[in-house]
């Protein structure tokens, strides 16, 4: 407790945080956030009213479900998921790397610029605004 006093946290605030972590209202890492918040002069008395059982360490169905959700998330978006590379349809459209995609887009822009530059003024006007038959 003495260490928390030196950081500007009252003994009561430290007790509040430790009790909330013990009853599972938030994780120990989140407790550090509330310590910093209290040290900056904010009132954290509401921590006493936070419900317990939200964070259950290593037991129960909630923990198993959270672990499964974390595993599913990592499978979809984690570092290993990125190792598989883009989908084949993406490869066909844009190339297999960002550099290849950039080259493909640059080639398309160059071709479009060349086509537009080769048109006469009348052809360009007709291409941009139509033949005027709808007026």
Protein backbone atom coordinates (compact mmCIF):
# COMPACT_ATOMS: atom_id res chain seq x y z
CA UNK A 1 0.00 0.00 0.00
CA UNK A 2 2.86 2.34 0.76
CA UNK A 3 4.00 2.14 -2.89
CA UNK A 4 0.59 3.25 -4.07
CA UNK A 5 0.68 6.23 -1.69
CA UNK A 6 3.91 7.41 -3.33
CA UNK A 7 2.22 7.32 -6.73
CA UNK A 8 -0.56 9.58 -5.51
CA UNK A 9 -3.18 6.88 -4.96
CA UNK A 10 -4.95 6.77 -1.63
CA UNK A 11 -4.97 3.54 0.33
CA UNK A 12 -8.76 3.41 -0.06
CA UNK A 13 -8.56 3.69 -3.85
CA UNK A 14 -5.96 0.91 -3.93
CA UNK A 15 -8.27 -1.25 -1.79
CA UNK A 16 -11.16 -0.51 -4.16
CA UNK A 17 -9.12 -1.58 -7.17
CA UNK A 18 -7.79 -4.73 -5.52
CA UNK A 19 -11.27 -5.72 -4.34
CA UNK A 20 -12.73 -5.20 -7.82
CA UNK A 21 -9.99 -7.34 -9.38
CA UNK A 22 -10.51 -10.02 -6.70
CA UNK A 23 -14.27 -10.22 -7.34
CA UNK A 24 -13.73 -10.29 -11.11
CA UNK A 25 -15.14 -6.87 -12.00
CA UNK A 26 -12.15 -6.19 -14.25
CA UNK A 27 -8.71 -7.58 -14.98
CA UNK A 28 -5.53 -6.67 -13.16
CA UNK A 29 -4.32 -4.90 -16.31
CA UNK A 30 -7.47 -2.76 -16.29
CA UNK A 31 -6.82 -2.11 -12.61
CA UNK A 32 -3.64 -0.33 -13.64
CA UNK A 33 -5.76 2.00 -15.77
CA UNK A 34 -7.87 2.89 -12.73
CA UNK A 35 -4.72 3.47 -10.66
CA UNK A 36 -3.51 6.03 -13.19
CA UNK A 37 -6.98 7.57 -13.28
CA UNK A 38 -7.04 7.87 -9.47
CA UNK A 39 -3.48 9.21 -9.37
CA UNK A 40 -4.54 12.04 -11.67
CA UNK A 41 -7.10 13.14 -9.06
CA UNK A 42 -10.30 11.52 -10.35
CA UNK A 43 -12.87 9.92 -8.07
CA UNK A 44 -13.04 6.15 -8.56
CA UNK A 45 -15.56 5.36 -5.81
CA UNK A 46 -17.89 3.89 -8.47
CA UNK A 47 -15.48 0.93 -8.73
CA UNK A 48 -17.09 -0.36 -5.53
CA UNK A 49 -20.35 -0.82 -7.42
CA UNK A 50 -19.00 -2.67 -10.45
CA UNK A 51 -20.42 -6.16 -10.74
CA UNK A 52 -18.21 -9.11 -10.00
CA UNK A 53 -17.98 -12.24 -12.10
CA UNK A 54 -17.40 -10.44 -15.36
CA UNK A 55 -13.83 -11.67 -15.48
CA UNK A 56 -13.42 -15.23 -14.27
CA UNK A 57 -9.89 -16.50 -14.37
CA UNK A 58 -9.62 -20.06 -15.59
CA UNK A 59 -12.97 -21.50 -14.52
CA UNK A 60 -16.50 -21.91 -15.75
CA UNK A 61 -18.35 -21.80 -19.03
CA UNK A 62 -17.83 -18.07 -19.52
CA UNK A 63 -14.06 -18.49 -19.51
CA UNK A 64 -14.25 -21.41 -21.94
CA UNK A 65 -16.50 -19.41 -24.27
CA UNK A 66 -14.16 -16.40 -24.09
CA UNK A 67 -11.15 -18.61 -24.81
CA UNK A 68 -12.94 -20.12 -27.81
CA UNK A 69 -13.92 -16.67 -29.06
CA UNK A 70 -10.30 -15.52 -28.73
CA UNK A 71 -9.11 -18.61 -30.61
CA UNK A 72 -11.67 -18.02 -33.37
CA UNK A 73 -10.66 -14.38 -33.67
CA UNK A 74 -6.96 -15.28 -33.87
CA UNK A 75 -7.72 -17.91 -36.52
CA UNK A 76 -9.53 -15.36 -38.65
CA UNK A 77 -7.44 -12.25 -38.10
CA UNK A 78 -4.23 -13.30 -36.37
CA UNK A 79 -0.74 -13.39 -37.90
CA UNK A 80 -1.16 -16.94 -39.25
CA UNK A 81 -4.33 -15.97 -41.12
CA UNK A 82 -2.32 -13.43 -43.09
CA UNK A 83 0.17 -16.09 -44.16
CA UNK A 84 -2.36 -17.65 -46.51
CA UNK A 85 -2.35 -14.65 -48.82
CA UNK A 86 -5.18 -13.14 -50.82
CA UNK A 87 -7.97 -15.20 -52.32
CA UNK A 88 -7.55 -16.51 -55.90
CA UNK A 89 -10.18 -14.08 -57.23
CA UNK A 90 -8.22 -11.21 -55.74
CA UNK A 91 -5.06 -12.54 -57.38
CA UNK A 92 -6.78 -12.66 -60.76
CA UNK A 93 -7.96 -9.07 -60.44
CA UNK A 94 -5.08 -7.33 -58.72
CA UNK A 95 -2.08 -9.63 -58.51
CA UNK A 96 -0.73 -11.57 -55.59
CA UNK A 97 1.11 -8.71 -53.88
CA UNK A 98 0.33 -5.06 -53.19
CA UNK A 99 3.11 -4.10 -55.60
CA UNK A 100 1.56 -6.23 -58.37
CA UNK A 101 -1.83 -4.66 -57.63
CA UNK A 102 -0.32 -1.18 -57.87
CA UNK A 103 1.31 -2.07 -61.21
CA UNK A 104 -2.00 -3.45 -62.55
CA UNK A 105 -3.84 -0.27 -61.53
CA UNK A 106 -1.10 1.90 -63.03
CA UNK A 107 -1.34 -0.06 -66.29
CA UNK A 108 -5.13 0.43 -66.36
CA UNK A 109 -4.76 4.16 -65.76
CA UNK A 110 -2.11 4.46 -68.47
CA UNK A 111 -4.33 2.60 -70.94
CA UNK A 112 -7.32 4.80 -70.10
CA UNK A 113 -5.19 7.94 -70.46
CA UNK A 114 -3.90 6.70 -73.83
CA UNK A 115 -7.43 5.97 -75.08
CA UNK A 116 -8.71 9.39 -74.02
CA UNK A 117 -5.67 11.16 -75.48
CA UNK A 118 -6.26 9.45 -78.84
CA UNK A 119 -9.84 10.79 -79.15
CA UNK A 120 -10.68 13.92 -81.08
CA UNK A 121 -12.52 16.72 -79.28
CA UNK A 122 -15.85 15.68 -80.78
CA UNK A 123 -15.30 12.04 -79.84
CA UNK A 124 -14.30 12.98 -76.32
CA UNK A 125 -17.36 15.21 -75.90
CA UNK A 126 -19.61 12.43 -77.17
CA UNK A 127 -17.96 9.91 -74.85
CA UNK A 128 -18.32 12.16 -71.82
CA UNK A 129 -21.77 13.58 -72.44
CA UNK A 130 -23.41 11.22 -74.92
CA UNK A 131 -24.66 12.02 -78.36
CA UNK A 132 -27.16 14.62 -77.15
CA UNK A 133 -30.18 12.66 -78.43
CA UNK A 134 -31.83 12.68 -75.02
CA UNK A 135 -32.09 16.48 -74.86
